[in-house]
Amino acid sequence: RTDQTWLAVGGGSGGYVVTGADPEGRFPILVTSKDCHIDSIELMIGGQASDYPAKHVVSLEEAMAAARAFYDAGGFECGVEWSYG
């Protein structure tokens, strides 16, 4: 558990993962609004290449909109779809 709520954006070159943590110990991950016809996408985040579920890889525009909504609302209850898996 953490006493803080935080948000992180990682990736680049058109593919981003937006995730964070909340005081309840959950780690929400942004879910894309577009249809995914593949299972996973490889991204370089933090200097390490890894496969991420395609439904969690978003465009820069989606990542920025989610970050703005998160900031404006002060947390994850901001009208954006998150996965809590």
N, C-alpha and C. Protein backbone atom coordinates (compact mmCIF):
# COMPACT_ATOMS: atom_id res chain seq x y z
N ARG A 1 0.84 -1.19 0.00
CA ARG A 1 0.00 0.00 0.00
C ARG A 1 0.88 1.24 0.00
N THR A 2 0.30 2.30 -0.51
CA THR A 2 1.00 3.58 -0.55
C THR A 2 0.08 4.67 -0.02
N ASP A 3 0.66 5.69 0.53
CA ASP A 3 -0.14 6.81 1.00
C ASP A 3 -0.42 7.82 -0.11
N GLN A 4 0.20 7.59 -1.25
CA GLN A 4 0.09 8.53 -2.35
C GLN A 4 -0.58 7.91 -3.56
N THR A 5 -1.15 8.78 -4.37
CA THR A 5 -1.66 8.39 -5.68
C THR A 5 -0.69 8.97 -6.70
N TRP A 6 -0.25 8.13 -7.64
CA TRP A 6 0.67 8.62 -8.65
C TRP A 6 0.35 8.03 -10.01
N LEU A 7 0.83 8.69 -11.05
CA LEU A 7 0.61 8.28 -12.44
C LEU A 7 1.94 8.31 -13.16
N ALA A 8 2.18 7.32 -14.02
CA ALA A 8 3.40 7.27 -14.82
C ALA A 8 3.05 6.96 -16.27
N VAL A 9 3.80 7.55 -17.18
CA VAL A 9 3.64 7.30 -18.61
C VAL A 9 4.98 6.84 -19.13
N GLY A 10 4.99 5.70 -19.82
CA GLY A 10 6.23 5.18 -20.39
C GLY A 10 6.03 4.77 -21.82
N GLY A 11 7.11 4.74 -22.57
CA GLY A 11 7.05 4.31 -23.96
C GLY A 11 7.64 5.35 -24.88
N GLY A 12 7.15 5.39 -26.11
CA GLY A 12 7.63 6.33 -27.10
C GLY A 12 7.34 5.82 -28.49
N SER A 13 7.67 6.60 -29.49
CA SER A 13 7.48 6.24 -30.90
C SER A 13 6.05 5.84 -31.20
N GLY A 14 5.08 6.51 -30.57
CA GLY A 14 3.68 6.28 -30.87
C GLY A 14 2.97 5.27 -29.99
N GLY A 15 3.67 4.60 -29.09
CA GLY A 15 3.04 3.63 -28.19
C GLY A 15 3.41 3.92 -26.75
N TYR A 16 2.40 4.02 -25.89
CA TYR A 16 2.62 4.41 -24.50
C TYR A 16 1.79 3.54 -23.56
N VAL A 17 2.31 3.33 -22.36
CA VAL A 17 1.59 2.65 -21.29
C VAL A 17 1.42 3.67 -20.17
N VAL A 18 0.18 3.81 -19.68
CA VAL A 18 -0.12 4.75 -18.61
C VAL A 18 -0.60 3.94 -17.41
N THR A 19 0.11 4.06 -16.32
CA THR A 19 -0.20 3.28 -15.12
C THR A 19 0.10 4.11 -13.88
N GLY A 20 -0.19 3.56 -12.74
CA GLY A 20 0.08 4.27 -11.50
C GLY A 20 -0.30 3.42 -10.30
N ALA A 21 -0.56 4.08 -9.19
CA ALA A 21 -0.96 3.40 -7.97
C ALA A 21 -1.90 4.31 -7.19
N ASP A 22 -2.74 3.68 -6.37
CA ASP A 22 -3.64 4.46 -5.51
C ASP A 22 -3.48 3.99 -4.07
N PRO A 23 -4.02 4.72 -3.12
CA PRO A 23 -3.85 4.37 -1.70
C PRO A 23 -4.44 3.01 -1.32
N GLU A 24 -5.32 2.45 -2.14
CA GLU A 24 -5.89 1.14 -1.85
C GLU A 24 -4.97 0.00 -2.27
N GLY A 25 -3.80 0.34 -2.82
CA GLY A 25 -2.85 -0.69 -3.24
C GLY A 25 -3.12 -1.24 -4.62
N ARG A 26 -3.94 -0.56 -5.39
CA ARG A 26 -4.24 -0.99 -6.76
C ARG A 26 -3.27 -0.31 -7.73
N PHE A 27 -3.06 -0.95 -8.88
CA PHE A 27 -2.17 -0.43 -9.92
C PHE A 27 -2.93 -0.35 -11.24
N PRO A 28 -3.73 0.71 -11.41
CA PRO A 28 -4.52 0.85 -12.62
C PRO A 28 -3.65 1.02 -13.87
N ILE A 29 -4.13 0.47 -14.99
CA ILE A 29 -3.47 0.62 -16.29
C ILE A 29 -4.53 1.11 -17.27
N LEU A 30 -4.19 2.17 -18.01
CA LEU A 30 -5.12 2.72 -19.00
C LEU A 30 -5.44 1.69 -20.07
N VAL A 31 -6.70 1.63 -20.48
CA VAL A 31 -7.15 0.72 -21.53
C VAL A 31 -7.47 1.55 -22.76
N THR A 32 -6.96 1.15 -23.91
CA THR A 32 -7.19 1.88 -25.15
C THR A 32 -8.65 1.77 -25.59
N SER A 33 -9.11 2.78 -26.29
CA SER A 33 -10.48 2.79 -26.80
C SER A 33 -10.56 2.17 -28.18
N LYS A 34 -9.42 1.91 -28.81
CA LYS A 34 -9.44 1.34 -30.16
C LYS A 34 -9.44 -0.18 -30.12
N ASP A 35 -9.94 -0.78 -31.20
CA ASP A 35 -9.95 -2.24 -31.32
C ASP A 35 -8.53 -2.76 -31.51
N CYS A 36 -8.20 -3.83 -30.80
CA CYS A 36 -6.88 -4.43 -30.91
C CYS A 36 -6.99 -5.74 -31.68
N HIS A 37 -6.25 -5.82 -32.77
CA HIS A 37 -6.28 -7.03 -33.59
C HIS A 37 -5.04 -7.90 -33.36
N ILE A 38 -4.21 -7.48 -32.42
CA ILE A 38 -3.04 -8.26 -32.04
C ILE A 38 -3.03 -8.39 -30.52
N ASP A 39 -2.30 -9.36 -30.03
CA ASP A 39 -2.29 -9.61 -28.58
C ASP A 39 -1.34 -8.71 -27.81
N SER A 40 -0.14 -8.46 -28.37
CA SER A 40 0.85 -7.69 -27.62
C SER A 40 1.68 -6.81 -28.55
N ILE A 41 2.31 -5.82 -27.93
CA ILE A 41 3.16 -4.87 -28.65
C ILE A 41 4.43 -4.71 -27.82
N GLU A 42 5.58 -4.73 -28.50
CA GLU A 42 6.84 -4.54 -27.79
C GLU A 42 7.12 -3.05 -27.67
N LEU A 43 7.42 -2.61 -26.45
CA LEU A 43 7.78 -1.22 -26.18
C LEU A 43 9.06 -1.18 -25.37
N MET A 44 9.80 -0.10 -25.55
CA MET A 44 10.98 0.15 -24.73
C MET A 44 10.56 1.14 -23.65
N ILE A 45 10.55 0.68 -22.40
CA ILE A 45 10.19 1.53 -21.27
C ILE A 45 11.25 1.37 -20.21
N GLY A 46 11.80 2.48 -19.77
CA GLY A 46 12.85 2.44 -18.75
C GLY A 46 14.10 1.74 -19.23
N GLY A 47 14.36 1.79 -20.53
CA GLY A 47 15.55 1.17 -21.09
C GLY A 47 15.45 -0.33 -21.30
N GLN A 48 14.25 -0.90 -21.11
CA GLN A 48 14.07 -2.33 -21.26
C GLN A 48 12.92 -2.62 -22.21
N ALA A 49 13.18 -3.44 -23.22
CA ALA A 49 12.14 -3.84 -24.17
C ALA A 49 11.31 -4.96 -23.55
N SER A 50 9.99 -4.81 -23.60
CA SER A 50 9.07 -5.83 -23.08
C SER A 50 7.81 -5.83 -23.92
N ASP A 51 7.13 -6.97 -23.90
CA ASP A 51 5.83 -7.06 -24.56
C ASP A 51 4.75 -6.62 -23.60
N TYR A 52 3.83 -5.79 -24.09
CA TYR A 52 2.71 -5.29 -23.31
C TYR A 52 1.42 -5.68 -24.01
N PRO A 53 0.36 -6.01 -23.27
CA PRO A 53 -0.92 -6.30 -23.91
C PRO A 53 -1.34 -5.12 -24.80
N ALA A 54 -1.75 -5.39 -26.02
CA ALA A 54 -2.11 -4.34 -26.96
C ALA A 54 -3.20 -3.43 -26.41
N LYS A 55 -4.10 -3.97 -25.59
CA LYS A 55 -5.17 -3.14 -25.04
C LYS A 55 -4.66 -2.09 -24.06
N HIS A 56 -3.39 -2.22 -23.62
CA HIS A 56 -2.79 -1.26 -22.70
C HIS A 56 -1.82 -0.30 -23.38
N VAL A 57 -1.63 -0.45 -24.69
CA VAL A 57 -0.73 0.44 -25.43
C VAL A 57 -1.59 1.48 -26.13
N VAL A 58 -1.36 2.74 -25.78
CA VAL A 58 -2.19 3.84 -26.27
C VAL A 58 -1.36 4.82 -27.08
N SER A 59 -2.04 5.68 -27.80
CA SER A 59 -1.38 6.74 -28.57
C SER A 59 -0.93 7.85 -27.62
N LEU A 60 -0.09 8.75 -28.14
CA LEU A 60 0.32 9.90 -27.36
C LEU A 60 -0.88 10.75 -26.97
N GLU A 61 -1.82 10.91 -27.88
CA GLU A 61 -3.02 11.70 -27.59
C GLU A 61 -3.84 11.09 -26.45
N GLU A 62 -4.01 9.75 -26.47
CA GLU A 62 -4.74 9.08 -25.39
C GLU A 62 -4.00 9.20 -24.06
N ALA A 63 -2.68 9.05 -24.10
CA ALA A 63 -1.87 9.15 -22.88
C ALA A 63 -1.98 10.56 -22.29
N MET A 64 -1.88 11.57 -23.13
CA MET A 64 -1.96 12.95 -22.65
C MET A 64 -3.35 13.28 -22.11
N ALA A 65 -4.39 12.80 -22.79
CA ALA A 65 -5.76 13.05 -22.33
C ALA A 65 -6.00 12.38 -20.98
N ALA A 66 -5.49 11.15 -20.81
CA ALA A 66 -5.65 10.45 -19.52
C ALA A 66 -4.88 11.17 -18.42
N ALA A 67 -3.66 11.62 -18.72
CA ALA A 67 -2.86 12.33 -17.72
C ALA A 67 -3.55 13.64 -17.32
N ARG A 68 -4.12 14.33 -18.29
CA ARG A 68 -4.82 15.58 -17.99
C ARG A 68 -6.06 15.32 -17.13
N ALA A 69 -6.83 14.29 -17.49
CA ALA A 69 -8.03 13.95 -16.72
C ALA A 69 -7.66 13.54 -15.30
N PHE A 70 -6.62 12.73 -15.15
CA PHE A 70 -6.12 12.30 -13.84
C PHE A 70 -5.74 13.52 -12.99
N TYR A 71 -4.98 14.43 -13.59
CA TYR A 71 -4.54 15.63 -12.87
C TYR A 71 -5.74 16.48 -12.45
N ASP A 72 -6.65 16.73 -13.39
CA ASP A 72 -7.80 17.58 -13.10
C ASP A 72 -8.69 17.00 -12.01
N ALA A 73 -8.86 15.66 -12.01
CA ALA A 73 -9.73 14.99 -11.04
C ALA A 73 -9.00 14.67 -9.73
N GLY A 74 -7.69 14.69 -9.76
CA GLY A 74 -6.92 14.36 -8.57
C GLY A 74 -6.83 12.87 -8.30
N GLY A 75 -7.06 12.06 -9.33
CA GLY A 75 -6.96 10.61 -9.14
C GLY A 75 -7.55 9.84 -10.30
N PHE A 76 -7.74 8.55 -10.08
CA PHE A 76 -8.16 7.65 -11.15
C PHE A 76 -9.66 7.67 -11.44
N GLU A 77 -10.44 8.26 -10.57
CA GLU A 77 -11.88 8.40 -10.83
C GLU A 77 -12.06 9.65 -11.68
N CYS A 78 -11.72 9.53 -12.97
CA CYS A 78 -11.64 10.72 -13.81
C CYS A 78 -12.33 10.55 -15.16
N GLY A 79 -13.18 9.52 -15.30
CA GLY A 79 -13.89 9.32 -16.55
C GLY A 79 -13.09 8.61 -17.62
N VAL A 80 -11.96 8.02 -17.25
CA VAL A 80 -11.10 7.29 -18.16
C VAL A 80 -11.20 5.81 -17.80
N GLU A 81 -11.09 4.92 -18.80
CA GLU A 81 -11.20 3.48 -18.52
C GLU A 81 -9.86 2.91 -18.07
N TRP A 82 -9.85 2.36 -16.86
CA TRP A 82 -8.65 1.74 -16.31
C TRP A 82 -8.91 0.25 -16.09
N SER A 83 -7.87 -0.55 -16.24
CA SER A 83 -7.91 -1.96 -15.89
C SER A 83 -7.22 -2.12 -14.55
N TYR A 84 -7.85 -2.86 -13.65
CA TYR A 84 -7.26 -3.07 -12.32
C TYR A 84 -6.78 -4.51 -12.15
N GLY A 85 -6.47 -5.17 -13.27
CA GLY A 85 -6.01 -6.55 -13.25
C GLY A 85 -4.77 -6.70 -12.55
